[in-house]
């Protein structure tokens, strides 16, 4: 596992700590989970965008084939 150091503004760090406490996890765990969820969403967004482009241009691709 790699360790990354991230500088957060005081207000953001405070919000992170408060949210982690409410959820009963460490701030580090909450940050890790949040990053993993965002990366997964980015992957889904890319797949959705690629599917949209392929579907939108399907007729063009058939003509070019």
PDB file of N, CA and C in Angstrom:
ATOM      1  N   UNK A   1       0.840  -1.170   0.000  1.00  0.00           N
ATOM      2  CA  UNK A   1       0.000   0.000   0.000  1.00  0.00           C
ATOM      3  C   UNK A   1       0.884   1.231   0.000  1.00  0.00           C
ATOM      4  N   UNK A   2       0.495   2.218  -0.801  1.00  0.00           N
ATOM      5  CA  UNK A   2       1.229   3.470  -0.860  1.00  0.00           C
ATOM      6  C   UNK A   2       0.652   4.463   0.137  1.00  0.00           C
ATOM      7  N   UNK A   3       1.500   5.313   0.642  1.00  0.00           N
ATOM      8  CA  UNK A   3       1.068   6.378   1.537  1.00  0.00           C
ATOM      9  C   UNK A   3       1.200   7.703   0.804  1.00  0.00           C
ATOM     10  N   UNK A   4       0.114   8.479   0.826  1.00  0.00           N
ATOM     11  CA  UNK A   4       0.111   9.806   0.220  1.00  0.00           C
ATOM     12  C   UNK A   4      -0.170  10.828   1.311  1.00  0.00           C
ATOM     13  N   UNK A   5       0.475  11.950   1.189  1.00  0.00           N
ATOM     14  CA  UNK A   5       0.216  13.037   2.126  1.00  0.00           C
ATOM     15  C   UNK A   5      -0.558  14.116   1.382  1.00  0.00           C
ATOM     16  N   UNK A   6      -1.672  14.540   1.977  1.00  0.00           N
ATOM     17  CA  UNK A   6      -2.528  15.537   1.340  1.00  0.00           C
ATOM     18  C   UNK A   6      -2.725  16.690   2.310  1.00  0.00           C
ATOM     19  N   UNK A   7      -2.453  17.897   1.839  1.00  0.00           N
ATOM     20  CA  UNK A   7      -2.705  19.081   2.648  1.00  0.00           C
ATOM     21  C   UNK A   7      -4.139  19.531   2.415  1.00  0.00           C
ATOM     22  N   UNK A   8      -4.890  19.658   3.515  1.00  0.00           N
ATOM     23  CA  UNK A   8      -6.274  20.101   3.428  1.00  0.00           C
ATOM     24  C   UNK A   8      -6.427  21.429   4.147  1.00  0.00           C
ATOM     25  N   UNK A   9      -7.286  22.292   3.630  1.00  0.00           N
ATOM     26  CA  UNK A   9      -7.593  23.504   4.391  1.00  0.00           C
ATOM     27  C   UNK A   9      -8.192  23.104   5.748  1.00  0.00           C
ATOM     28  N   UNK A  10      -7.988  23.939   6.739  1.00  0.00           N
ATOM     29  CA  UNK A  10      -8.472  23.610   8.085  1.00  0.00           C
ATOM     30  C   UNK A  10      -9.957  23.271   8.101  1.00  0.00           C
ATOM     31  N   UNK A  11     -10.753  24.032   7.368  1.00  0.00           N
ATOM     32  CA  UNK A  11     -12.200  23.809   7.358  1.00  0.00           C
ATOM     33  C   UNK A  11     -12.538  22.443   6.756  1.00  0.00           C
ATOM     34  N   UNK A  12     -11.853  22.064   5.702  1.00  0.00           N
ATOM     35  CA  UNK A  12     -12.091  20.766   5.070  1.00  0.00           C
ATOM     36  C   UNK A  12     -11.671  19.636   5.996  1.00  0.00           C
ATOM     37  N   UNK A  13     -10.531  19.774   6.633  1.00  0.00           N
ATOM     38  CA  UNK A  13     -10.057  18.752   7.568  1.00  0.00           C
ATOM     39  C   UNK A  13     -11.029  18.597   8.732  1.00  0.00           C
ATOM     40  N   UNK A  14     -11.559  19.712   9.202  1.00  0.00           N
ATOM     41  CA  UNK A  14     -12.524  19.670  10.297  1.00  0.00           C
ATOM     42  C   UNK A  14     -13.799  18.949   9.882  1.00  0.00           C
ATOM     43  N   UNK A  15     -14.285  19.250   8.677  1.00  0.00           N
ATOM     44  CA  UNK A  15     -15.478  18.574   8.162  1.00  0.00           C
ATOM     45  C   UNK A  15     -15.233  17.073   8.007  1.00  0.00           C
ATOM     46  N   UNK A  16     -14.053  16.715   7.518  1.00  0.00           N
ATOM     47  CA  UNK A  16     -13.695  15.308   7.354  1.00  0.00           C
ATOM     48  C   UNK A  16     -13.701  14.600   8.700  1.00  0.00           C
ATOM     49  N   UNK A  17     -13.079  15.213   9.690  1.00  0.00           N
ATOM     50  CA  UNK A  17     -13.019  14.609  11.033  1.00  0.00           C
ATOM     51  C   UNK A  17     -14.411  14.480  11.643  1.00  0.00           C
ATOM     52  N   UNK A  18     -15.242  15.507  11.480  1.00  0.00           N
ATOM     53  CA  UNK A  18     -16.605  15.456  12.018  1.00  0.00           C
ATOM     54  C   UNK A  18     -17.415  14.347  11.362  1.00  0.00           C
ATOM     55  N   UNK A  19     -17.332  14.258  10.042  1.00  0.00           N
ATOM     56  CA  UNK A  19     -18.073  13.224   9.320  1.00  0.00           C
ATOM     57  C   UNK A  19     -17.587  11.834   9.709  1.00  0.00           C
ATOM     58  N   UNK A  20     -16.283  11.672   9.825  1.00  0.00           N
ATOM     59  CA  UNK A  20     -15.727  10.371  10.209  1.00  0.00           C
ATOM     60  C   UNK A  20     -16.201   9.980  11.599  1.00  0.00           C
ATOM     61  N   UNK A  21     -16.229  10.933  12.507  1.00  0.00           N
ATOM     62  CA  UNK A  21     -16.682  10.639  13.870  1.00  0.00           C
ATOM     63  C   UNK A  21     -18.150  10.211  13.867  1.00  0.00           C
ATOM     64  N   UNK A  22     -18.983  10.908  13.086  1.00  0.00           N
ATOM     65  CA  UNK A  22     -20.408  10.537  13.009  1.00  0.00           C
ATOM     66  C   UNK A  22     -20.586   9.133  12.448  1.00  0.00           C
ATOM     67  N   UNK A  23     -19.713   8.752  11.512  1.00  0.00           N
ATOM     68  CA  UNK A  23     -19.812   7.433  10.884  1.00  0.00           C
ATOM     69  C   UNK A  23     -19.080   6.345  11.652  1.00  0.00           C
ATOM     70  N   UNK A  24     -18.314   6.742  12.658  1.00  0.00           N
ATOM     71  CA  UNK A  24     -17.592   5.761  13.465  1.00  0.00           C
ATOM     72  C   UNK A  24     -16.381   5.168  12.778  1.00  0.00           C
ATOM     73  N   UNK A  25     -15.750   5.956  11.921  1.00  0.00           N
ATOM     74  CA  UNK A  25     -14.538   5.501  11.236  1.00  0.00           C
ATOM     75  C   UNK A  25     -13.456   6.553  11.429  1.00  0.00           C
ATOM     76  N   UNK A  26     -12.249   6.208  11.051  1.00  0.00           N
ATOM     77  CA  UNK A  26     -11.163   7.177  11.141  1.00  0.00           C
ATOM     78  C   UNK A  26     -11.250   8.140   9.953  1.00  0.00           C
ATOM     79  N   UNK A  27     -10.727   9.349  10.107  1.00  0.00           N
ATOM     80  CA  UNK A  27     -10.706  10.274   8.975  1.00  0.00           C
ATOM     81  C   UNK A  27      -9.961   9.689   7.770  1.00  0.00           C
ATOM     82  N   UNK A  28      -8.892   8.949   8.026  1.00  0.00           N
ATOM     83  CA  UNK A  28      -8.134   8.328   6.938  1.00  0.00           C
ATOM     84  C   UNK A  28      -8.983   7.311   6.182  1.00  0.00           C
ATOM     85  N   UNK A  29      -9.755   6.513   6.920  1.00  0.00           N
ATOM     86  CA  UNK A  29     -10.629   5.522   6.275  1.00  0.00           C
ATOM     87  C   UNK A  29     -11.705   6.203   5.447  1.00  0.00           C
ATOM     88  N   UNK A  30     -12.293   7.260   5.998  1.00  0.00           N
ATOM     89  CA  UNK A  30     -13.324   7.978   5.265  1.00  0.00           C
ATOM     90  C   UNK A  30     -12.753   8.606   3.995  1.00  0.00           C
ATOM     91  N   UNK A  31     -11.577   9.181   4.095  1.00  0.00           N
ATOM     92  CA  UNK A  31     -10.934   9.767   2.915  1.00  0.00           C
ATOM     93  C   UNK A  31     -10.660   8.688   1.868  1.00  0.00           C
ATOM     94  N   UNK A  32     -10.152   7.535   2.296  1.00  0.00           N
ATOM     95  CA  UNK A  32      -9.850   6.447   1.359  1.00  0.00           C
ATOM     96  C   UNK A  32     -11.119   5.955   0.669  1.00  0.00           C
ATOM     97  N   UNK A  33     -12.166   5.747   1.445  1.00  0.00           N
ATOM     98  CA  UNK A  33     -13.433   5.272   0.876  1.00  0.00           C
ATOM     99  C   UNK A  33     -13.985   6.293  -0.108  1.00  0.00           C
ATOM    100  N   UNK A  34     -13.922   7.559   0.261  1.00  0.00           N
ATOM    101  CA  UNK A  34     -14.438   8.618  -0.607  1.00  0.00           C
ATOM    102  C   UNK A  34     -13.684   8.672  -1.929  1.00  0.00           C
ATOM    103  N   UNK A  35     -12.380   8.547  -1.862  1.00  0.00           N
ATOM    104  CA  UNK A  35     -11.567   8.572  -3.079  1.00  0.00           C
ATOM    105  C   UNK A  35     -11.883   7.364  -3.955  1.00  0.00           C
ATOM    106  N   UNK A  36     -12.008   6.188  -3.341  1.00  0.00           N
ATOM    107  CA  UNK A  36     -12.319   4.983  -4.112  1.00  0.00           C
ATOM    108  C   UNK A  36     -13.678   5.107  -4.797  1.00  0.00           C
ATOM    109  N   UNK A  37     -14.672   5.660  -4.092  1.00  0.00           N
ATOM    110  CA  UNK A  37     -15.999   5.838  -4.687  1.00  0.00           C
ATOM    111  C   UNK A  37     -15.954   6.829  -5.838  1.00  0.00           C
ATOM    112  N   UNK A  38     -15.205   7.908  -5.685  1.00  0.00           N
ATOM    113  CA  UNK A  38     -15.106   8.894  -6.756  1.00  0.00           C
ATOM    114  C   UNK A  38     -14.427   8.300  -7.982  1.00  0.00           C
ATOM    115  N   UNK A  39     -13.378   7.525  -7.778  1.00  0.00           N
ATOM    116  CA  UNK A  39     -12.693   6.890  -8.907  1.00  0.00           C
ATOM    117  C   UNK A  39     -13.600   5.896  -9.616  1.00  0.00           C
ATOM    118  N   UNK A  40     -14.405   5.161  -8.851  1.00  0.00           N
ATOM    119  CA  UNK A  40     -15.346   4.215  -9.458  1.00  0.00           C
ATOM    120  C   UNK A  40     -16.380   4.964 -10.282  1.00  0.00           C
ATOM    121  N   UNK A  41     -16.854   6.112  -9.763  1.00  0.00           N
ATOM    122  CA  UNK A  41     -17.815   6.926 -10.496  1.00  0.00           C
ATOM    123  C   UNK A  41     -17.204   7.464 -11.783  1.00  0.00           C
ATOM    124  N   UNK A  42     -15.943   7.856 -11.726  1.00  0.00           N
ATOM    125  CA  UNK A  42     -15.270   8.338 -12.935  1.00  0.00           C
ATOM    126  C   UNK A  42     -15.226   7.248 -13.991  1.00  0.00           C
ATOM    127  N   UNK A  43     -14.947   6.012 -13.567  1.00  0.00           N
ATOM    128  CA  UNK A  43     -14.928   4.891 -14.503  1.00  0.00           C
ATOM    129  C   UNK A  43     -16.305   4.701 -15.134  1.00  0.00           C
ATOM    130  N   UNK A  44     -17.361   4.783 -14.308  1.00  0.00           N
ATOM    131  CA  UNK A  44     -18.721   4.619 -14.819  1.00  0.00           C
ATOM    132  C   UNK A  44     -19.088   5.765 -15.757  1.00  0.00           C
ATOM    133  N   UNK A  45     -18.672   6.974 -15.419  1.00  0.00           N
ATOM    134  CA  UNK A  45     -18.938   8.120 -16.281  1.00  0.00           C
ATOM    135  C   UNK A  45     -18.268   7.956 -17.634  1.00  0.00           C
ATOM    136  N   UNK A  46     -17.030   7.440 -17.630  1.00  0.00           N
ATOM    137  CA  UNK A  46     -16.328   7.224 -18.894  1.00  0.00           C
ATOM    138  C   UNK A  46     -17.054   6.190 -19.739  1.00  0.00           C
ATOM    139  N   UNK A  47     -17.470   5.091 -19.132  1.00  0.00           N
ATOM    140  CA  UNK A  47     -18.173   4.040 -19.867  1.00  0.00           C
ATOM    141  C   UNK A  47     -19.478   4.593 -20.437  1.00  0.00           C
ATOM    142  N   UNK A  48     -20.199   5.370 -19.636  1.00  0.00           N
ATOM    143  CA  UNK A  48     -21.460   5.952 -20.108  1.00  0.00           C
ATOM    144  C   UNK A  48     -21.207   6.903 -21.279  1.00  0.00           C
ATOM    145  N   UNK A  49     -20.178   7.735 -21.181  1.00  0.00           N
ATOM    146  CA  UNK A  49     -19.865   8.672 -22.254  1.00  0.00           C
ATOM    147  C   UNK A  49     -19.445   7.932 -23.523  1.00  0.00           C
ATOM    148  N   UNK A  50     -18.619   6.918 -23.370  1.00  0.00           N
ATOM    149  CA  UNK A  50     -18.176   6.142 -24.531  1.00  0.00           C
ATOM    150  C   UNK A  50     -19.362   5.435 -25.188  1.00  0.00           C
ATOM    151  N   UNK A  51     -20.236   4.881 -24.376  1.00  0.00           N
ATOM    152  CA  UNK A  51     -21.425   4.204 -24.921  1.00  0.00           C
ATOM    153  C   UNK A  51     -22.309   5.188 -25.665  1.00  0.00           C
ATOM    154  N   UNK A  52     -22.477   6.383 -25.114  1.00  0.00           N
ATOM    155  CA  UNK A  52     -23.280   7.415 -25.756  1.00  0.00           C
ATOM    156  C   UNK A  52     -22.709   7.778 -27.120  1.00  0.00           C
ATOM    157  N   UNK A  53     -21.403   7.996 -27.177  1.00  0.00           N
ATOM    158  CA  UNK A  53     -20.760   8.366 -28.440  1.00  0.00           C
ATOM    159  C   UNK A  53     -20.895   7.238 -29.454  1.00  0.00           C
ATOM    160  N   UNK A  54     -20.668   6.007 -29.027  1.00  0.00           N
ATOM    161  CA  UNK A  54     -20.781   4.873 -29.948  1.00  0.00           C
ATOM    162  C   UNK A  54     -22.206   4.722 -30.463  1.00  0.00           C
ATOM    163  N   UNK A  55     -23.180   4.876 -29.576  1.00  0.00           N
ATOM    164  CA  UNK A  55     -24.584   4.750 -29.979  1.00  0.00           C
ATOM    165  C   UNK A  55     -24.988   5.901 -30.903  1.00  0.00           C
ATOM    166  N   UNK A  56     -24.581   7.104 -30.551  1.00  0.00           N
ATOM    167  CA  UNK A  56     -24.931   8.286 -31.334  1.00  0.00           C
ATOM    168  C   UNK A  56     -24.359   8.191 -32.745  1.00  0.00           C
ATOM    169  N   UNK A  57     -23.169   7.634 -32.877  1.00  0.00           N
ATOM    170  CA  UNK A  57     -22.491   7.579 -34.171  1.00  0.00           C
ATOM    171  C   UNK A  57     -22.577   6.214 -34.843  1.00  0.00           C
ATOM    172  N   UNK A  58     -23.451   5.355 -34.369  1.00  0.00           N
ATOM    173  CA  UNK A  58     -23.531   3.984 -34.901  1.00  0.00           C
ATOM    174  C   UNK A  58     -23.787   3.978 -36.400  1.00  0.00           C
ATOM    175  N   UNK A  59     -24.707   4.813 -36.858  1.00  0.00           N
ATOM    176  CA  UNK A  59     -25.016   4.841 -38.297  1.00  0.00           C
ATOM    177  C   UNK A  59     -23.798   5.280 -39.099  1.00  0.00           C
ATOM    178  N   UNK A  60     -23.094   6.262 -38.611  1.00  0.00           N
ATOM    179  CA  UNK A  60     -21.881   6.731 -39.286  1.00  0.00           C
ATOM    180  C   UNK A  60     -20.837   5.622 -39.348  1.00  0.00           C
ATOM    181  N   UNK A  61     -20.651   4.917 -38.240  1.00  0.00           N
ATOM    182  CA  UNK A  61     -19.672   3.834 -38.205  1.00  0.00           C
ATOM    183  C   UNK A  61     -20.043   2.738 -39.194  1.00  0.00           C
ATOM    184  N   UNK A  62     -21.362   2.433 -39.326  1.00  0.00           N
ATOM    185  CA  UNK A  62     -21.788   1.399 -40.292  1.00  0.00           C
ATOM    186  C   UNK A  62     -21.478   1.841 -41.722  1.00  0.00           C
ATOM    187  N   UNK A  63     -21.705   3.125 -42.023  1.00  0.00           N
ATOM    188  CA  UNK A  63     -21.422   3.619 -43.375  1.00  0.00           C
ATOM    189  C   UNK A  63     -19.932   3.580 -43.679  1.00  0.00           C
ATOM    190  N   UNK A  64     -19.121   3.854 -42.670  1.00  0.00           N
ATOM    191  CA  UNK A  64     -17.664   3.881 -42.878  1.00  0.00           C
ATOM    192  C   UNK A  64     -17.056   2.485 -42.947  1.00  0.00           C
ATOM    193  N   UNK A  65     -17.765   1.490 -42.459  1.00  0.00           N
ATOM    194  CA  UNK A  65     -17.207   0.134 -42.417  1.00  0.00           C
ATOM    195  C   UNK A  65     -17.160  -0.511 -43.780  1.00  0.00           C
TER     196      UNK A  65
END
